[in-house]
Amino acid sequence: MKTNVHPQYFENAQVICACGNRFTVGSTKEIIHIELCHKCHPFYTGEQRFVDSASRIQKFQTKQKKAQEYVVKKVKKVEQKKQHDNAPKTLREMLMSLE
């Protein structure tokens, strides 16, 4: 076997979470920084917390707002059309509806 081909293994590598929690594991890196751990992860804590790095939530909310505005406009159009349909018809329109 070749010597010096495997990385150095640290028995007591420190894992440091963004919440401040620290614990030791075995790893090839001496210090590991993470964003979520078992103390702060929403699945384990039962909290609902969003980790939004690409502003996806904000994009989704703006799309929802535009969709709601579109629905309101469509409802107004339908109401206006109904009001227009209730207007008195010409003699030709009345005769055409009989057929």
PDB file of N, CA and C in Angstrom:
ATOM      1  N   MET A   1       0.836  -1.188   0.000  1.00  0.00           N
ATOM      2  CA  MET A   1       0.000   0.000   0.000  1.00  0.00           C
ATOM      3  C   MET A   1       0.875   1.244   0.000  1.00  0.00           C
ATOM      4  N   LYS A   2       0.311   2.279  -0.594  1.00  0.00           N
ATOM      5  CA  LYS A   2       1.038   3.540  -0.623  1.00  0.00           C
ATOM      6  C   LYS A   2       0.896   4.234   0.728  1.00  0.00           C
ATOM      7  N   THR A   3       1.912   4.933   1.102  1.00  0.00           N
ATOM      8  CA  THR A   3       1.864   5.696   2.341  1.00  0.00           C
ATOM      9  C   THR A   3       1.534   7.146   2.018  1.00  0.00           C
ATOM     10  N   ASN A   4       0.952   7.849   2.975  1.00  0.00           N
ATOM     11  CA  ASN A   4       0.618   9.273   2.874  1.00  0.00           C
ATOM     12  C   ASN A   4      -0.407   9.586   1.775  1.00  0.00           C
ATOM     13  N   VAL A   5      -1.330   8.690   1.497  1.00  0.00           N
ATOM     14  CA  VAL A   5      -2.386   8.969   0.527  1.00  0.00           C
ATOM     15  C   VAL A   5      -3.711   9.300   1.213  1.00  0.00           C
ATOM     16  N   HIS A   6      -3.856   8.939   2.463  1.00  0.00           N
ATOM     17  CA  HIS A   6      -5.093   9.222   3.179  1.00  0.00           C
ATOM     18  C   HIS A   6      -4.985  10.559   3.903  1.00  0.00           C
ATOM     19  N   PRO A   7      -6.111  11.298   3.994  1.00  0.00           N
ATOM     20  CA  PRO A   7      -6.080  12.572   4.719  1.00  0.00           C
ATOM     21  C   PRO A   7      -5.918  12.337   6.219  1.00  0.00           C
ATOM     22  N   GLN A   8      -5.491  13.383   6.895  1.00  0.00           N
ATOM     23  CA  GLN A   8      -5.318  13.287   8.349  1.00  0.00           C
ATOM     24  C   GLN A   8      -6.696  13.238   9.005  1.00  0.00           C
ATOM     25  N   TYR A   9      -6.856  12.346   9.961  1.00  0.00           N
ATOM     26  CA  TYR A   9      -8.130  12.157  10.644  1.00  0.00           C
ATOM     27  C   TYR A   9      -8.026  12.718  12.056  1.00  0.00           C
ATOM     28  N   PHE A  10      -8.991  13.595  12.408  1.00  0.00           N
ATOM     29  CA  PHE A  10      -9.018  14.197  13.745  1.00  0.00           C
ATOM     30  C   PHE A  10     -10.105  13.509  14.557  1.00  0.00           C
ATOM     31  N   GLU A  11      -9.705  12.912  15.669  1.00  0.00           N
ATOM     32  CA  GLU A  11     -10.655  12.210  16.543  1.00  0.00           C
ATOM     33  C   GLU A  11     -11.603  13.174  17.244  1.00  0.00           C
ATOM     34  N   ASN A  12     -11.109  14.347  17.596  1.00  0.00           N
ATOM     35  CA  ASN A  12     -11.893  15.321  18.357  1.00  0.00           C
ATOM     36  C   ASN A  12     -12.111  16.595  17.541  1.00  0.00           C
ATOM     37  N   ALA A  13     -12.707  16.473  16.381  1.00  0.00           N
ATOM     38  CA  ALA A  13     -13.001  17.643  15.552  1.00  0.00           C
ATOM     39  C   ALA A  13     -14.187  18.395  16.151  1.00  0.00           C
ATOM     40  N   GLN A  14     -14.094  19.725  16.194  1.00  0.00           N
ATOM     41  CA  GLN A  14     -15.137  20.563  16.760  1.00  0.00           C
ATOM     42  C   GLN A  14     -16.133  20.956  15.666  1.00  0.00           C
ATOM     43  N   VAL A  15     -17.422  20.757  15.949  1.00  0.00           N
ATOM     44  CA  VAL A  15     -18.495  21.218  15.076  1.00  0.00           C
ATOM     45  C   VAL A  15     -19.146  22.395  15.780  1.00  0.00           C
ATOM     46  N   ILE A  16     -19.187  23.545  15.097  1.00  0.00           N
ATOM     47  CA  ILE A  16     -19.730  24.769  15.694  1.00  0.00           C
ATOM     48  C   ILE A  16     -20.937  25.192  14.862  1.00  0.00           C
ATOM     49  N   CYS A  17     -22.092  25.303  15.529  1.00  0.00           N
ATOM     50  CA  CYS A  17     -23.332  25.691  14.858  1.00  0.00           C
ATOM     51  C   CYS A  17     -23.516  27.206  14.932  1.00  0.00           C
ATOM     52  N   ALA A  18     -24.350  27.751  14.065  1.00  0.00           N
ATOM     53  CA  ALA A  18     -24.645  29.184  14.075  1.00  0.00           C
ATOM     54  C   ALA A  18     -25.385  29.591  15.346  1.00  0.00           C
ATOM     55  N   CYS A  19     -26.087  28.654  15.979  1.00  0.00           N
ATOM     56  CA  CYS A  19     -26.809  28.961  17.220  1.00  0.00           C
ATOM     57  C   CYS A  19     -25.881  28.974  18.432  1.00  0.00           C
ATOM     58  N   GLY A  20     -24.643  28.546  18.262  1.00  0.00           N
ATOM     59  CA  GLY A  20     -23.689  28.552  19.360  1.00  0.00           C
ATOM     60  C   GLY A  20     -23.418  27.176  19.947  1.00  0.00           C
ATOM     61  N   ASN A  21     -24.148  26.175  19.520  1.00  0.00           N
ATOM     62  CA  ASN A  21     -23.957  24.821  20.018  1.00  0.00           C
ATOM     63  C   ASN A  21     -22.645  24.244  19.476  1.00  0.00           C
ATOM     64  N   ARG A  22     -21.916  23.513  20.335  1.00  0.00           N
ATOM     65  CA  ARG A  22     -20.657  22.870  19.947  1.00  0.00           C
ATOM     66  C   ARG A  22     -20.693  21.412  20.354  1.00  0.00           C
ATOM     67  N   PHE A  23     -20.139  20.566  19.490  1.00  0.00           N
ATOM     68  CA  PHE A  23     -19.973  19.158  19.841  1.00  0.00           C
ATOM     69  C   PHE A  23     -18.797  18.599  19.055  1.00  0.00           C
ATOM     70  N   THR A  24     -18.316  17.440  19.482  1.00  0.00           N
ATOM     71  CA  THR A  24     -17.131  16.851  18.854  1.00  0.00           C
ATOM     72  C   THR A  24     -17.512  15.595  18.092  1.00  0.00           C
ATOM     73  N   VAL A  25     -16.852  15.428  16.968  1.00  0.00           N
ATOM     74  CA  VAL A  25     -17.018  14.247  16.124  1.00  0.00           C
ATOM     75  C   VAL A  25     -15.662  13.894  15.533  1.00  0.00           C
ATOM     76  N   GLY A  26     -15.575  12.788  14.843  1.00  0.00           N
ATOM     77  CA  GLY A  26     -14.370  12.439  14.110  1.00  0.00           C
ATOM     78  C   GLY A  26     -14.502  12.921  12.672  1.00  0.00           C
ATOM     79  N   SER A  27     -13.476  13.608  12.164  1.00  0.00           N
ATOM     80  CA  SER A  27     -13.562  14.154  10.813  1.00  0.00           C
ATOM     81  C   SER A  27     -12.165  14.402  10.255  1.00  0.00           C
ATOM     82  N   THR A  28     -12.122  14.720   8.974  1.00  0.00           N
ATOM     83  CA  THR A  28     -10.852  15.066   8.345  1.00  0.00           C
ATOM     84  C   THR A  28     -10.564  16.553   8.461  1.00  0.00           C
ATOM     85  N   LYS A  29     -11.547  17.333   8.943  1.00  0.00           N
ATOM     86  CA  LYS A  29     -11.338  18.759   9.211  1.00  0.00           C
ATOM     87  C   LYS A  29     -11.312  18.956  10.722  1.00  0.00           C
ATOM     88  N   GLU A  30     -10.508  19.897  11.168  1.00  0.00           N
ATOM     89  CA  GLU A  30     -10.370  20.110  12.603  1.00  0.00           C
ATOM     90  C   GLU A  30     -11.543  20.905  13.173  1.00  0.00           C
ATOM     91  N   ILE A  31     -12.032  21.902  12.415  1.00  0.00           N
ATOM     92  CA  ILE A  31     -13.163  22.731  12.847  1.00  0.00           C
ATOM     93  C   ILE A  31     -14.174  22.771  11.702  1.00  0.00           C
ATOM     94  N   ILE A  32     -15.445  22.503  12.005  1.00  0.00           N
ATOM     95  CA  ILE A  32     -16.504  22.505  11.011  1.00  0.00           C
ATOM     96  C   ILE A  32     -17.571  23.499  11.462  1.00  0.00           C
ATOM     97  N   HIS A  33     -17.934  24.448  10.582  1.00  0.00           N
ATOM     98  CA  HIS A  33     -18.995  25.423  10.868  1.00  0.00           C
ATOM     99  C   HIS A  33     -20.251  25.006  10.103  1.00  0.00           C
ATOM    100  N   ILE A  34     -21.388  24.944  10.815  1.00  0.00           N
ATOM    101  CA  ILE A  34     -22.655  24.558  10.196  1.00  0.00           C
ATOM    102  C   ILE A  34     -23.721  25.597  10.527  1.00  0.00           C
ATOM    103  N   GLU A  35     -24.837  25.585   9.749  1.00  0.00           N
ATOM    104  CA  GLU A  35     -25.924  26.532   9.968  1.00  0.00           C
ATOM    105  C   GLU A  35     -26.995  25.985  10.911  1.00  0.00           C
ATOM    106  N   LEU A  36     -27.278  24.688  10.825  1.00  0.00           N
ATOM    107  CA  LEU A  36     -28.326  24.070  11.638  1.00  0.00           C
ATOM    108  C   LEU A  36     -27.781  22.824  12.322  1.00  0.00           C
ATOM    109  N   CYS A  37     -28.221  22.610  13.549  1.00  0.00           N
ATOM    110  CA  CYS A  37     -27.843  21.396  14.270  1.00  0.00           C
ATOM    111  C   CYS A  37     -29.094  20.816  14.930  1.00  0.00           C
ATOM    112  N   HIS A  38     -28.924  19.787  15.725  1.00  0.00           N
ATOM    113  CA  HIS A  38     -30.068  19.141  16.365  1.00  0.00           C
ATOM    114  C   HIS A  38     -30.723  20.026  17.427  1.00  0.00           C
ATOM    115  N   LYS A  39     -30.034  21.042  17.905  1.00  0.00           N
ATOM    116  CA  LYS A  39     -30.607  21.928  18.920  1.00  0.00           C
ATOM    117  C   LYS A  39     -31.470  23.028  18.305  1.00  0.00           C
ATOM    118  N   CYS A  40     -31.170  23.424  17.063  1.00  0.00           N
ATOM    119  CA  CYS A  40     -31.896  24.545  16.467  1.00  0.00           C
ATOM    120  C   CYS A  40     -32.661  24.184  15.199  1.00  0.00           C
ATOM    121  N   HIS A  41     -32.585  22.949  14.728  1.00  0.00           N
ATOM    122  CA  HIS A  41     -33.294  22.558  13.509  1.00  0.00           C
ATOM    123  C   HIS A  41     -34.800  22.526  13.768  1.00  0.00           C
ATOM    124  N   PRO A  42     -35.614  23.125  12.876  1.00  0.00           N
ATOM    125  CA  PRO A  42     -37.065  23.186  13.094  1.00  0.00           C
ATOM    126  C   PRO A  42     -37.724  21.811  13.222  1.00  0.00           C
ATOM    127  N   PHE A  43     -37.206  20.796  12.587  1.00  0.00           N
ATOM    128  CA  PHE A  43     -37.793  19.468  12.685  1.00  0.00           C
ATOM    129  C   PHE A  43     -37.705  18.928  14.103  1.00  0.00           C
ATOM    130  N   TYR A  44     -36.599  19.177  14.758  1.00  0.00           N
ATOM    131  CA  TYR A  44     -36.401  18.659  16.117  1.00  0.00           C
ATOM    132  C   TYR A  44     -36.980  19.572  17.187  1.00  0.00           C
ATOM    133  N   THR A  45     -37.023  20.878  16.942  1.00  0.00           N
ATOM    134  CA  THR A  45     -37.525  21.807  17.950  1.00  0.00           C
ATOM    135  C   THR A  45     -39.027  22.008  17.867  1.00  0.00           C
ATOM    136  N   GLY A  46     -39.638  21.723  16.711  1.00  0.00           N
ATOM    137  CA  GLY A  46     -41.080  21.921  16.547  1.00  0.00           C
ATOM    138  C   GLY A  46     -41.436  23.337  16.150  1.00  0.00           C
ATOM    139  N   GLU A  47     -40.470  24.194  15.969  1.00  0.00           N
ATOM    140  CA  GLU A  47     -40.722  25.572  15.565  1.00  0.00           C
ATOM    141  C   GLU A  47     -40.783  25.635  14.046  1.00  0.00           C
ATOM    142  N   GLN A  48     -41.491  26.661  13.552  1.00  0.00           N
ATOM    143  CA  GLN A  48     -41.483  26.891  12.116  1.00  0.00           C
ATOM    144  C   GLN A  48     -40.585  28.086  11.864  1.00  0.00           C
ATOM    145  N   ARG A  49     -39.446  27.818  11.240  1.00  0.00           N
ATOM    146  CA  ARG A  49     -38.486  28.878  10.957  1.00  0.00           C
ATOM    147  C   ARG A  49     -37.992  28.675   9.535  1.00  0.00           C
ATOM    148  N   PHE A  50     -37.880  29.767   8.806  1.00  0.00           N
ATOM    149  CA  PHE A  50     -37.466  29.676   7.415  1.00  0.00           C
ATOM    150  C   PHE A  50     -36.025  30.120   7.271  1.00  0.00           C
ATOM    151  N   VAL A  51     -35.247  29.319   6.585  1.00  0.00           N
ATOM    152  CA  VAL A  51     -33.876  29.668   6.242  1.00  0.00           C
ATOM    153  C   VAL A  51     -33.919  30.029   4.761  1.00  0.00           C
ATOM    154  N   ASP A  52     -33.916  31.330   4.484  1.00  0.00           N
ATOM    155  CA  ASP A  52     -34.134  31.806   3.128  1.00  0.00           C
ATOM    156  C   ASP A  52     -32.905  32.555   2.653  1.00  0.00           C
ATOM    157  N   SER A  53     -32.071  31.888   1.891  1.00  0.00           N
ATOM    158  CA  SER A  53     -30.839  32.524   1.438  1.00  0.00           C
ATOM    159  C   SER A  53     -30.980  33.152   0.062  1.00  0.00           C
ATOM    160  N   ALA A  54     -31.930  32.709  -0.747  1.00  0.00           N
ATOM    161  CA  ALA A  54     -32.064  33.230  -2.107  1.00  0.00           C
ATOM    162  C   ALA A  54     -33.341  34.044  -2.273  1.00  0.00           C
ATOM    163  N   SER A  55     -33.919  34.518  -1.199  1.00  0.00           N
ATOM    164  CA  SER A  55     -35.170  35.305  -1.169  1.00  0.00           C
ATOM    165  C   SER A  55     -36.287  34.618  -1.946  1.00  0.00           C
ATOM    166  N   ARG A  56     -36.368  33.319  -1.845  1.00  0.00           N
ATOM    167  CA  ARG A  56     -37.414  32.563  -2.534  1.00  0.00           C
ATOM    168  C   ARG A  56     -38.781  32.830  -1.923  1.00  0.00           C
ATOM    169  N   ILE A  57     -38.820  33.022  -0.621  1.00  0.00           N
ATOM    170  CA  ILE A  57     -40.096  33.269   0.049  1.00  0.00           C
ATOM    171  C   ILE A  57     -40.676  34.593  -0.423  1.00  0.00           C
ATOM    172  N   GLN A  58     -39.838  35.606  -0.520  1.00  0.00           N
ATOM    173  CA  GLN A  58     -40.307  36.921  -0.967  1.00  0.00           C
ATOM    174  C   GLN A  58     -40.807  36.843  -2.412  1.00  0.00           C
ATOM    175  N   LYS A  59     -40.114  36.115  -3.277  1.00  0.00           N
ATOM    176  CA  LYS A  59     -40.549  35.956  -4.664  1.00  0.00           C
ATOM    177  C   LYS A  59     -41.903  35.259  -4.718  1.00  0.00           C
ATOM    178  N   PHE A  60     -42.071  34.231  -3.900  1.00  0.00           N
ATOM    179  CA  PHE A  60     -43.335  33.508  -3.863  1.00  0.00           C
ATOM    180  C   PHE A  60     -44.465  34.420  -3.392  1.00  0.00           C
ATOM    181  N   GLN A  61     -44.204  35.245  -2.379  1.00  0.00           N
ATOM    182  CA  GLN A  61     -45.234  36.142  -1.867  1.00  0.00           C
ATOM    183  C   GLN A  61     -45.630  37.192  -2.901  1.00  0.00           C
ATOM    184  N   THR A  62     -44.670  37.699  -3.671  1.00  0.00           N
ATOM    185  CA  THR A  62     -45.017  38.676  -4.714  1.00  0.00           C
ATOM    186  C   THR A  62     -45.846  38.017  -5.814  1.00  0.00           C
ATOM    187  N   LYS A  63     -45.530  36.768  -6.161  1.00  0.00           N
ATOM    188  CA  LYS A  63     -46.341  36.059  -7.152  1.00  0.00           C
ATOM    189  C   LYS A  63     -47.762  35.849  -6.644  1.00  0.00           C
ATOM    190  N   GLN A  64     -47.905  35.512  -5.376  1.00  0.00           N
ATOM    191  CA  GLN A  64     -49.228  35.324  -4.793  1.00  0.00           C
ATOM    192  C   GLN A  64     -50.029  36.625  -4.827  1.00  0.00           C
ATOM    193  N   LYS A  65     -49.359  37.736  -4.538  1.00  0.00           N
ATOM    194  CA  LYS A  65     -50.026  39.036  -4.538  1.00  0.00           C
ATOM    195  C   LYS A  65     -50.506  39.397  -5.934  1.00  0.00           C
ATOM    196  N   LYS A  66     -49.662  39.172  -6.957  1.00  0.00           N
ATOM    197  CA  LYS A  66     -50.055  39.453  -8.337  1.00  0.00           C
ATOM    198  C   LYS A  66     -51.223  38.565  -8.761  1.00  0.00           C
ATOM    199  N   ALA A  67     -51.204  37.308  -8.358  1.00  0.00           N
ATOM    200  CA  ALA A  67     -52.294  36.395  -8.695  1.00  0.00           C
ATOM    201  C   ALA A  67     -53.601  36.860  -8.063  1.00  0.00           C
ATOM    202  N   GLN A  68     -53.539  37.331  -6.838  1.00  0.00           N
ATOM    203  CA  GLN A  68     -54.741  37.823  -6.156  1.00  0.00           C
ATOM    204  C   GLN A  68     -55.282  39.057  -6.865  1.00  0.00           C
ATOM    205  N   GLU A  69     -54.399  39.963  -7.299  1.00  0.00           N
ATOM    206  CA  GLU A  69     -54.834  41.158  -8.030  1.00  0.00           C
ATOM    207  C   GLU A  69     -55.484  40.761  -9.358  1.00  0.00           C
ATOM    208  N   TYR A  70     -54.928  39.750 -10.005  1.00  0.00           N
ATOM    209  CA  TYR A  70     -55.502  39.277 -11.270  1.00  0.00           C
ATOM    210  C   TYR A  70     -56.914  38.740 -11.052  1.00  0.00           C
ATOM    211  N   VAL A  71     -57.125  37.985  -9.976  1.00  0.00           N
ATOM    212  CA  VAL A  71     -58.443  37.433  -9.680  1.00  0.00           C
ATOM    213  C   VAL A  71     -59.441  38.561  -9.438  1.00  0.00           C
ATOM    214  N   VAL A  72     -59.029  39.594  -8.720  1.00  0.00           N
ATOM    215  CA  VAL A  72     -59.915  40.721  -8.437  1.00  0.00           C
ATOM    216  C   VAL A  72     -60.300  41.420  -9.741  1.00  0.00           C
ATOM    217  N   LYS A  73     -59.336  41.623 -10.639  1.00  0.00           N
ATOM    218  CA  LYS A  73     -59.630  42.263 -11.924  1.00  0.00           C
ATOM    219  C   LYS A  73     -60.600  41.430 -12.743  1.00  0.00           C
ATOM    220  N   LYS A  74     -60.405  40.124 -12.732  1.00  0.00           N
ATOM    221  CA  LYS A  74     -61.263  39.235 -13.512  1.00  0.00           C
ATOM    222  C   LYS A  74     -62.693  39.273 -12.983  1.00  0.00           C
ATOM    223  N   VAL A  75     -62.854  39.288 -11.664  1.00  0.00           N
ATOM    224  CA  VAL A  75     -64.183  39.347 -11.059  1.00  0.00           C
ATOM    225  C   VAL A  75     -64.869  40.650 -11.457  1.00  0.00           C
ATOM    226  N   LYS A  76     -64.124  41.749 -11.438  1.00  0.00           N
ATOM    227  CA  LYS A  76     -64.703  43.038 -11.831  1.00  0.00           C
ATOM    228  C   LYS A  76     -65.155  43.017 -13.288  1.00  0.00           C
ATOM    229  N   LYS A  77     -64.349  42.400 -14.152  1.00  0.00           N
ATOM    230  CA  LYS A  77     -64.705  42.306 -15.567  1.00  0.00           C
ATOM    231  C   LYS A  77     -65.983  41.513 -15.763  1.00  0.00           C
ATOM    232  N   VAL A  78     -66.102  40.388 -15.049  1.00  0.00           N
ATOM    233  CA  VAL A  78     -67.295  39.551 -15.161  1.00  0.00           C
ATOM    234  C   VAL A  78     -68.524  40.318 -14.688  1.00  0.00           C
ATOM    235  N   GLU A  79     -68.396  41.071 -13.600  1.00  0.00           N
ATOM    236  CA  GLU A  79     -69.515  41.855 -13.085  1.00  0.00           C
ATOM    237  C   GLU A  79     -69.920  42.933 -14.086  1.00  0.00           C
ATOM    238  N   GLN A  80     -68.941  43.588 -14.690  1.00  0.00           N
ATOM    239  CA  GLN A  80     -69.250  44.613 -15.683  1.00  0.00           C
ATOM    240  C   GLN A  80     -69.952  44.004 -16.890  1.00  0.00           C
ATOM    241  N   LYS A  81     -69.512  42.818 -17.292  1.00  0.00           N
ATOM    242  CA  LYS A  81     -70.134  42.148 -18.427  1.00  0.00           C
ATOM    243  C   LYS A  81     -71.578  41.776 -18.111  1.00  0.00           C
ATOM    244  N   LYS A  82     -71.835  41.319 -16.875  1.00  0.00           N
ATOM    245  CA  LYS A  82     -73.192  40.988 -16.479  1.00  0.00           C
ATOM    246  C   LYS A  82     -74.079  42.221 -16.508  1.00  0.00           C
ATOM    247  N   GLN A  83     -73.553  43.340 -16.035  1.00  0.00           N
ATOM    248  CA  GLN A  83     -74.321  44.587 -16.062  1.00  0.00           C
ATOM    249  C   GLN A  83     -74.595  45.003 -17.499  1.00  0.00           C
ATOM    250  N   HIS A  84     -73.637  44.806 -18.363  1.00  0.00           N
ATOM    251  CA  HIS A  84     -73.808  45.165 -19.767  1.00  0.00           C
ATOM    252  C   HIS A  84     -74.839  44.257 -20.427  1.00  0.00           C
ATOM    253  N   ASP A  85     -74.882  42.981 -20.036  1.00  0.00           N
ATOM    254  CA  ASP A  85     -75.833  42.037 -20.608  1.00  0.00           C
ATOM    255  C   ASP A  85     -77.261  42.355 -20.184  1.00  0.00           C
ATOM    256  N   ASN A  86     -77.438  43.000 -19.044  1.00  0.00           N
ATOM    257  CA  ASN A  86     -78.761  43.362 -18.569  1.00  0.00           C
ATOM    258  C   ASN A  86     -79.297  44.609 -19.253  1.00  0.00           C
ATOM    259  N   ALA A  87     -78.501  45.258 -20.049  1.00  0.00           N
ATOM    260  CA  ALA A  87     -78.927  46.464 -20.762  1.00  0.00           C
ATOM    261  C   ALA A  87     -79.981  46.081 -21.802  1.00  0.00           C
ATOM    262  N   PRO A  88     -80.856  47.003 -22.162  1.00  0.00           N
ATOM    263  CA  PRO A  88     -81.881  46.696 -23.173  1.00  0.00           C
ATOM    264  C   PRO A  88     -81.244  46.297 -24.503  1.00  0.00           C
ATOM    265  N   LYS A  89     -81.804  45.293 -25.130  1.00  0.00           N
ATOM    266  CA  LYS A  89     -81.263  44.776 -26.380  1.00  0.00           C
ATOM    267  C   LYS A  89     -81.942  45.451 -27.560  1.00  0.00           C
ATOM    268  N   THR A  90     -81.236  45.424 -28.658  1.00  0.00           N
ATOM    269  CA  THR A  90     -81.834  45.957 -29.883  1.00  0.00           C
ATOM    270  C   THR A  90     -82.804  44.924 -30.438  1.00  0.00           C
ATOM    271  N   LEU A  91     -83.631  45.347 -31.370  1.00  0.00           N
ATOM    272  CA  LEU A  91     -84.602  44.459 -31.976  1.00  0.00           C
ATOM    273  C   LEU A  91     -83.909  43.305 -32.684  1.00  0.00           C
ATOM    274  N   ARG A  92     -82.794  43.568 -33.323  1.00  0.00           N
ATOM    275  CA  ARG A  92     -82.050  42.527 -34.021  1.00  0.00           C
ATOM    276  C   ARG A  92     -81.529  41.475 -33.043  1.00  0.00           C
ATOM    277  N   GLU A  93     -80.957  41.910 -31.899  1.00  0.00           N
ATOM    278  CA  GLU A  93     -80.434  40.976 -30.899  1.00  0.00           C
ATOM    279  C   GLU A  93     -81.534  40.089 -30.339  1.00  0.00           C
ATOM    280  N   MET A  94     -82.727  40.683 -30.122  1.00  0.00           N
ATOM    281  CA  MET A  94     -83.835  39.895 -29.602  1.00  0.00           C
ATOM    282  C   MET A  94     -84.288  38.840 -30.607  1.00  0.00           C
ATOM    283  N   LEU A  95     -84.325  39.212 -31.886  1.00  0.00           N
ATOM    284  CA  LEU A  95     -84.736  38.265 -32.928  1.00  0.00           C
ATOM    285  C   LEU A  95     -83.683  37.162 -33.115  1.00  0.00           C
ATOM    286  N   MET A  96     -82.439  37.500 -32.997  1.00  0.00           N
ATOM    287  CA  MET A  96     -81.359  36.513 -33.150  1.00  0.00           C
ATOM    288  C   MET A  96     -81.386  35.514 -31.981  1.00  0.00           C
ATOM    289  N   SER A  97     -81.795  35.925 -30.817  1.00  0.00           N
ATOM    290  CA  SER A  97     -81.832  35.021 -29.670  1.00  0.00           C
ATOM    291  C   SER A  97     -82.974  34.027 -29.760  1.00  0.00           C
ATOM    292  N   LEU A  98     -83.993  34.313 -30.557  1.00  0.00           N
ATOM    293  CA  LEU A  98     -85.134  33.404 -30.718  1.00  0.00           C
ATOM    294  C   LEU A  98     -84.746  32.167 -31.530  1.00  0.00           C
ATOM    295  N   GLU A  99     -83.797  32.267 -32.385  1.00  0.00           N
ATOM    296  CA  GLU A  99     -83.430  31.142 -33.238  1.00  0.00           C
ATOM    297  C   GLU A  99     -82.749  30.091 -32.500  1.00  0.00           C
TER     298      GLU A  99
END
